[in-house]
Amino acid sequence: LGKYAGFQAAITPSRNFEMVVFNLNVT
């Protein structure tokens, strides 16, 4: 049939920062 269905792919879309937690210690 001229058919090839042997491709598979996996991707991870890029995304942004929405929450930043910064731990500050005062000494």
PDB file of all heavy atoms in Angstrom:
ATOM      1  N   LEU A   1       0.809  -1.219   0.000  1.00  0.00           N
ATOM      2  CA  LEU A   1       0.000   0.000   0.000  1.00  0.00           C
ATOM      3  C   LEU A   1       0.843   1.270   0.000  1.00  0.00           C
ATOM      4  O   LEU A   1       0.303   2.375  -0.135  1.00  0.00           O
ATOM      5  CB  LEU A   1      -0.927   0.006   1.231  1.00  0.00           C
ATOM      6  CG  LEU A   1      -1.943  -1.134   1.344  1.00  0.00           C
ATOM      7  CD1 LEU A   1      -2.641  -1.074   2.694  1.00  0.00           C
ATOM      8  CD2 LEU A   1      -2.952  -1.051   0.204  1.00  0.00           C
ATOM      9  N   GLY A   2       2.145   1.116   0.184  1.00  0.00           N
ATOM     10  CA  GLY A   2       3.005   2.299   0.300  1.00  0.00           C
ATOM     11  C   GLY A   2       2.816   3.007   1.626  1.00  0.00           C
ATOM     12  O   GLY A   2       3.113   4.193   1.766  1.00  0.00           O
ATOM     13  N   LYS A   3       2.314   2.274   2.618  1.00  0.00           N
ATOM     14  CA  LYS A   3       1.995   2.873   3.915  1.00  0.00           C
ATOM     15  C   LYS A   3       3.059   2.532   4.934  1.00  0.00           C
ATOM     16  O   LYS A   3       3.426   1.375   5.117  1.00  0.00           O
ATOM     17  CB  LYS A   3       0.629   2.354   4.388  1.00  0.00           C
ATOM     18  CG  LYS A   3       0.247   2.788   5.790  1.00  0.00           C
ATOM     19  CD  LYS A   3      -1.067   2.142   6.200  1.00  0.00           C
ATOM     20  CE  LYS A   3      -1.421   2.477   7.645  1.00  0.00           C
ATOM     21  NZ  LYS A   3      -2.690   1.815   8.054  1.00  0.00           N
ATOM     22  N   TYR A   4       3.559   3.558   5.619  1.00  0.00           N
ATOM     23  CA  TYR A   4       4.493   3.355   6.724  1.00  0.00           C
ATOM     24  C   TYR A   4       3.942   4.086   7.944  1.00  0.00           C
ATOM     25  O   TYR A   4       3.776   5.307   7.929  1.00  0.00           O
ATOM     26  CB  TYR A   4       5.885   3.892   6.388  1.00  0.00           C
ATOM     27  CG  TYR A   4       6.873   3.769   7.534  1.00  0.00           C
ATOM     28  CD1 TYR A   4       7.439   2.537   7.855  1.00  0.00           C
ATOM     29  CD2 TYR A   4       7.230   4.885   8.290  1.00  0.00           C
ATOM     30  CE1 TYR A   4       8.330   2.413   8.904  1.00  0.00           C
ATOM     31  CE2 TYR A   4       8.131   4.763   9.338  1.00  0.00           C
ATOM     32  CZ  TYR A   4       8.677   3.530   9.646  1.00  0.00           C
ATOM     33  OH  TYR A   4       9.567   3.416  10.694  1.00  0.00           O
ATOM     34  N   ALA A   5       3.619   3.347   8.989  1.00  0.00           N
ATOM     35  CA  ALA A   5       3.077   3.927  10.215  1.00  0.00           C
ATOM     36  C   ALA A   5       3.978   3.605  11.393  1.00  0.00           C
ATOM     37  O   ALA A   5       3.517   3.280  12.483  1.00  0.00           O
ATOM     38  CB  ALA A   5       1.656   3.414  10.461  1.00  0.00           C
ATOM     39  N   GLY A   6       5.287   3.725  11.164  1.00  0.00           N
ATOM     40  CA  GLY A   6       6.257   3.321  12.182  1.00  0.00           C
ATOM     41  C   GLY A   6       6.901   4.460  12.935  1.00  0.00           C
ATOM     42  O   GLY A   6       7.855   4.241  13.682  1.00  0.00           O
ATOM     43  N   PHE A   7       6.405   5.683  12.742  1.00  0.00           N
ATOM     44  CA  PHE A   7       6.968   6.818  13.480  1.00  0.00           C
ATOM     45  C   PHE A   7       6.234   7.011  14.808  1.00  0.00           C
ATOM     46  O   PHE A   7       5.009   6.938  14.884  1.00  0.00           O
ATOM     47  CB  PHE A   7       6.863   8.115  12.672  1.00  0.00           C
ATOM     48  CG  PHE A   7       7.843   8.206  11.544  1.00  0.00           C
ATOM     49  CD1 PHE A   7       7.416   8.436  10.246  1.00  0.00           C
ATOM     50  CD2 PHE A   7       9.211   8.066  11.769  1.00  0.00           C
ATOM     51  CE1 PHE A   7       8.305   8.526   9.200  1.00  0.00           C
ATOM     52  CE2 PHE A   7      10.108   8.152  10.717  1.00  0.00           C
ATOM     53  CZ  PHE A   7       9.662   8.377   9.429  1.00  0.00           C
ATOM     54  N   GLN A   8       6.996   7.283  15.834  1.00  0.00           N
ATOM     55  CA  GLN A   8       6.468   7.668  17.138  1.00  0.00           C
ATOM     56  C   GLN A   8       7.352   8.794  17.672  1.00  0.00           C
ATOM     57  O   GLN A   8       8.569   8.788  17.474  1.00  0.00           O
ATOM     58  CB  GLN A   8       6.505   6.494  18.121  1.00  0.00           C
ATOM     59  CG  GLN A   8       5.693   5.279  17.704  1.00  0.00           C
ATOM     60  CD  GLN A   8       6.154   4.024  18.416  1.00  0.00           C
ATOM     61  OE1 GLN A   8       7.193   3.474  18.096  1.00  0.00           O
ATOM     62  NE2 GLN A   8       5.373   3.593  19.404  1.00  0.00           N
ATOM     63  N   ALA A   9       6.742   9.736  18.334  1.00  0.00           N
ATOM     64  CA  ALA A   9       7.524  10.842  18.876  1.00  0.00           C
ATOM     65  C   ALA A   9       6.982  11.246  20.236  1.00  0.00           C
ATOM     66  O   ALA A   9       5.806  11.024  20.551  1.00  0.00           O
ATOM     67  CB  ALA A   9       7.511  12.042  17.931  1.00  0.00           C
ATOM     68  N   ALA A  10       7.829  11.824  21.041  1.00  0.00           N
ATOM     69  CA  ALA A  10       7.434  12.356  22.345  1.00  0.00           C
ATOM     70  C   ALA A  10       8.136  13.692  22.537  1.00  0.00           C
ATOM     71  O   ALA A  10       9.344  13.801  22.303  1.00  0.00           O
ATOM     72  CB  ALA A  10       7.811  11.387  23.467  1.00  0.00           C
ATOM     73  N   ILE A  11       7.378  14.703  22.912  1.00  0.00           N
ATOM     74  CA  ILE A  11       7.947  16.031  23.124  1.00  0.00           C
ATOM     75  C   ILE A  11       7.471  16.582  24.466  1.00  0.00           C
ATOM     76  O   ILE A  11       6.453  16.151  25.001  1.00  0.00           O
ATOM     77  CB  ILE A  11       7.568  17.028  22.013  1.00  0.00           C
ATOM     78  CG1 ILE A  11       6.041  17.264  21.997  1.00  0.00           C
ATOM     79  CG2 ILE A  11       8.068  16.568  20.655  1.00  0.00           C
ATOM     80  CD1 ILE A  11       5.607  18.429  21.138  1.00  0.00           C
ATOM     81  N   THR A  12       8.214  17.536  24.984  1.00  0.00           N
ATOM     82  CA  THR A  12       7.821  18.282  26.175  1.00  0.00           C
ATOM     83  C   THR A  12       7.733  19.753  25.795  1.00  0.00           C
ATOM     84  O   THR A  12       8.759  20.368  25.486  1.00  0.00           O
ATOM     85  CB  THR A  12       8.841  18.102  27.318  1.00  0.00           C
ATOM     86  OG1 THR A  12       8.964  16.717  27.640  1.00  0.00           O
ATOM     87  CG2 THR A  12       8.400  18.882  28.558  1.00  0.00           C
ATOM     88  N   PRO A  13       6.523  20.320  25.775  1.00  0.00           N
ATOM     89  CA  PRO A  13       6.422  21.744  25.445  1.00  0.00           C
ATOM     90  C   PRO A  13       7.102  22.607  26.502  1.00  0.00           C
ATOM     91  O   PRO A  13       7.057  22.302  27.701  1.00  0.00           O
ATOM     92  CB  PRO A  13       4.905  21.994  25.423  1.00  0.00           C
ATOM     93  CG  PRO A  13       4.290  20.640  25.205  1.00  0.00           C
ATOM     94  CD  PRO A  13       5.196  19.695  25.912  1.00  0.00           C
ATOM     95  N   SER A  14       7.726  23.697  26.060  1.00  0.00           N
ATOM     96  CA  SER A  14       8.323  24.648  26.990  1.00  0.00           C
ATOM     97  C   SER A  14       7.215  25.376  27.752  1.00  0.00           C
ATOM     98  O   SER A  14       6.119  25.563  27.237  1.00  0.00           O
ATOM     99  CB  SER A  14       9.172  25.674  26.234  1.00  0.00           C
ATOM    100  OG  SER A  14      10.234  25.037  25.549  1.00  0.00           O
ATOM    101  N   ARG A  15       7.501  25.786  28.965  1.00  0.00           N
ATOM    102  CA  ARG A  15       6.529  26.563  29.726  1.00  0.00           C
ATOM    103  C   ARG A  15       7.263  27.607  30.559  1.00  0.00           C
ATOM    104  O   ARG A  15       8.486  27.670  30.548  1.00  0.00           O
ATOM    105  CB  ARG A  15       5.640  25.689  30.590  1.00  0.00           C
ATOM    106  CG  ARG A  15       6.334  24.943  31.715  1.00  0.00           C
ATOM    107  CD  ARG A  15       5.322  24.595  32.794  1.00  0.00           C
ATOM    108  NE  ARG A  15       4.675  25.795  33.291  1.00  0.00           N
ATOM    109  CZ  ARG A  15       3.434  25.823  33.772  1.00  0.00           C
ATOM    110  NH1 ARG A  15       2.712  24.721  33.808  1.00  0.00           N
ATOM    111  NH2 ARG A  15       2.905  26.955  34.230  1.00  0.00           N
ATOM    112  N   ASN A  16       6.495  28.429  31.263  1.00  0.00           N
ATOM    113  CA  ASN A  16       7.053  29.564  31.974  1.00  0.00           C
ATOM    114  C   ASN A  16       7.060  29.335  33.483  1.00  0.00           C
ATOM    115  O   ASN A  16       6.448  28.404  33.990  1.00  0.00           O
ATOM    116  CB  ASN A  16       6.220  30.816  31.678  1.00  0.00           C
ATOM    117  CG  ASN A  16       4.770  30.636  32.100  1.00  0.00           C
ATOM    118  OD1 ASN A  16       4.101  29.702  31.662  1.00  0.00           O
ATOM    119  ND2 ASN A  16       4.272  31.510  32.958  1.00  0.00           N
ATOM    120  N   PHE A  17       7.765  30.226  34.195  1.00  0.00           N
ATOM    121  CA  PHE A  17       7.679  30.256  35.651  1.00  0.00           C
ATOM    122  C   PHE A  17       6.385  30.964  36.043  1.00  0.00           C
ATOM    123  O   PHE A  17       6.045  32.007  35.494  1.00  0.00           O
ATOM    124  CB  PHE A  17       8.852  31.034  36.258  1.00  0.00           C
ATOM    125  CG  PHE A  17      10.183  30.347  36.135  1.00  0.00           C
ATOM    126  CD1 PHE A  17      11.111  30.759  35.188  1.00  0.00           C
ATOM    127  CD2 PHE A  17      10.511  29.304  36.979  1.00  0.00           C
ATOM    128  CE1 PHE A  17      12.343  30.140  35.081  1.00  0.00           C
ATOM    129  CE2 PHE A  17      11.752  28.674  36.882  1.00  0.00           C
ATOM    130  CZ  PHE A  17      12.668  29.089  35.921  1.00  0.00           C
ATOM    131  N   GLU A  18       5.676  30.415  37.022  1.00  0.00           N
ATOM    132  CA  GLU A  18       4.497  31.078  37.565  1.00  0.00           C
ATOM    133  C   GLU A  18       4.593  31.271  39.071  1.00  0.00           C
ATOM    134  O   GLU A  18       3.880  32.097  39.636  1.00  0.00           O
ATOM    135  CB  GLU A  18       3.225  30.294  37.218  1.00  0.00           C
ATOM    136  CG  GLU A  18       2.906  30.332  35.738  1.00  0.00           C
ATOM    137  CD  GLU A  18       1.560  29.714  35.411  1.00  0.00           C
ATOM    138  OE1 GLU A  18       0.815  29.368  36.364  1.00  0.00           O
ATOM    139  OE2 GLU A  18       1.251  29.558  34.223  1.00  0.00           O
ATOM    140  N   MET A  19       5.446  30.511  39.704  1.00  0.00           N
ATOM    141  CA  MET A  19       5.598  30.635  41.143  1.00  0.00           C
ATOM    142  C   MET A  19       7.056  30.402  41.505  1.00  0.00           C
ATOM    143  O   MET A  19       7.635  29.372  41.139  1.00  0.00           O
ATOM    144  CB  MET A  19       4.719  29.612  41.867  1.00  0.00           C
ATOM    145  CG  MET A  19       4.764  29.737  43.388  1.00  0.00           C
ATOM    146  SD  MET A  19       3.965  28.362  44.238  1.00  0.00           S
ATOM    147  CE  MET A  19       2.386  28.296  43.409  1.00  0.00           C
ATOM    148  N   VAL A  20       7.661  31.353  42.169  1.00  0.00           N
ATOM    149  CA  VAL A  20       9.048  31.229  42.610  1.00  0.00           C
ATOM    150  C   VAL A  20       9.061  31.311  44.134  1.00  0.00           C
ATOM    151  O   VAL A  20       8.541  32.269  44.720  1.00  0.00           O
ATOM    152  CB  VAL A  20       9.928  32.345  42.014  1.00  0.00           C
ATOM    153  CG1 VAL A  20      11.341  32.256  42.571  1.00  0.00           C
ATOM    154  CG2 VAL A  20       9.948  32.257  40.497  1.00  0.00           C
ATOM    155  N   VAL A  21       9.621  30.290  44.779  1.00  0.00           N
ATOM    156  CA  VAL A  21       9.747  30.269  46.232  1.00  0.00           C
ATOM    157  C   VAL A  21      11.219  30.427  46.573  1.00  0.00           C
ATOM    158  O   VAL A  21      12.064  29.644  46.117  1.00  0.00           O
ATOM    159  CB  VAL A  21       9.205  28.953  46.827  1.00  0.00           C
ATOM    160  CG1 VAL A  21       9.398  28.929  48.338  1.00  0.00           C
ATOM    161  CG2 VAL A  21       7.735  28.776  46.474  1.00  0.00           C
ATOM    162  N   PHE A  22      11.526  31.434  47.349  1.00  0.00           N
ATOM    163  CA  PHE A  22      12.916  31.736  47.705  1.00  0.00           C
ATOM    164  C   PHE A  22      13.016  31.713  49.222  1.00  0.00           C
ATOM    165  O   PHE A  22      12.306  32.436  49.921  1.00  0.00           O
ATOM    166  CB  PHE A  22      13.308  33.120  47.176  1.00  0.00           C
ATOM    167  CG  PHE A  22      14.782  33.403  47.201  1.00  0.00           C
ATOM    168  CD1 PHE A  22      15.540  33.282  46.055  1.00  0.00           C
ATOM    169  CD2 PHE A  22      15.416  33.789  48.380  1.00  0.00           C
ATOM    170  CE1 PHE A  22      16.902  33.550  46.078  1.00  0.00           C
ATOM    171  CE2 PHE A  22      16.768  34.048  48.410  1.00  0.00           C
ATOM    172  CZ  PHE A  22      17.522  33.924  47.260  1.00  0.00           C
ATOM    173  N   ASN A  23      13.873  30.858  49.750  1.00  0.00           N
ATOM    174  CA  ASN A  23      14.043  30.747  51.191  1.00  0.00           C
ATOM    175  C   ASN A  23      15.194  31.649  51.643  1.00  0.00           C
ATOM    176  O   ASN A  23      16.336  31.484  51.214  1.00  0.00           O
ATOM    177  CB  ASN A  23      14.334  29.301  51.589  1.00  0.00           C
ATOM    178  CG  ASN A  23      13.167  28.381  51.267  1.00  0.00           C
ATOM    179  OD1 ASN A  23      12.021  28.698  51.571  1.00  0.00           O
ATOM    180  ND2 ASN A  23      13.455  27.261  50.620  1.00  0.00           N
ATOM    181  N   LEU A  24      14.887  32.601  52.491  1.00  0.00           N
ATOM    182  CA  LEU A  24      15.867  33.570  52.980  1.00  0.00           C
ATOM    183  C   LEU A  24      16.083  33.340  54.475  1.00  0.00           C
ATOM    184  O   LEU A  24      15.136  33.330  55.269  1.00  0.00           O
ATOM    185  CB  LEU A  24      15.361  34.994  52.737  1.00  0.00           C
ATOM    186  CG  LEU A  24      16.222  36.134  53.274  1.00  0.00           C
ATOM    187  CD1 LEU A  24      17.564  36.174  52.568  1.00  0.00           C
ATOM    188  CD2 LEU A  24      15.492  37.452  53.127  1.00  0.00           C
ATOM    189  N   ASN A  25      17.319  33.137  54.849  1.00  0.00           N
ATOM    190  CA  ASN A  25      17.672  32.976  56.251  1.00  0.00           C
ATOM    191  C   ASN A  25      18.431  34.211  56.725  1.00  0.00           C
ATOM    192  O   ASN A  25      19.380  34.665  56.082  1.00  0.00           O
ATOM    193  CB  ASN A  25      18.537  31.733  56.449  1.00  0.00           C
ATOM    194  CG  ASN A  25      18.975  31.555  57.894  1.00  0.00           C
ATOM    195  OD1 ASN A  25      20.061  31.986  58.284  1.00  0.00           O
ATOM    196  ND2 ASN A  25      18.139  30.909  58.683  1.00  0.00           N
ATOM    197  N   VAL A  26      17.981  34.763  57.836  1.00  0.00           N
ATOM    198  CA  VAL A  26      18.639  35.930  58.426  1.00  0.00           C
ATOM    199  C   VAL A  26      19.423  35.464  59.648  1.00  0.00           C
ATOM    200  O   VAL A  26      18.855  34.838  60.548  1.00  0.00           O
ATOM    201  CB  VAL A  26      17.608  37.006  58.839  1.00  0.00           C
ATOM    202  CG1 VAL A  26      18.299  38.199  59.468  1.00  0.00           C
ATOM    203  CG2 VAL A  26      16.795  37.440  57.622  1.00  0.00           C
ATOM    204  N   THR A  27      20.703  35.735  59.677  1.00  0.00           N
ATOM    205  CA  THR A  27      21.550  35.276  60.771  1.00  0.00           C
ATOM    206  C   THR A  27      22.151  36.462  61.515  1.00  0.00           C
ATOM    207  O   THR A  27      22.380  37.537  60.946  1.00  0.00           O
ATOM    208  CB  THR A  27      22.682  34.377  60.253  1.00  0.00           C
ATOM    209  OG1 THR A  27      23.514  34.001  61.345  1.00  0.00           O
ATOM    210  CG2 THR A  27      23.524  35.095  59.208  1.00  0.00           C
TER     211      THR A  27
END
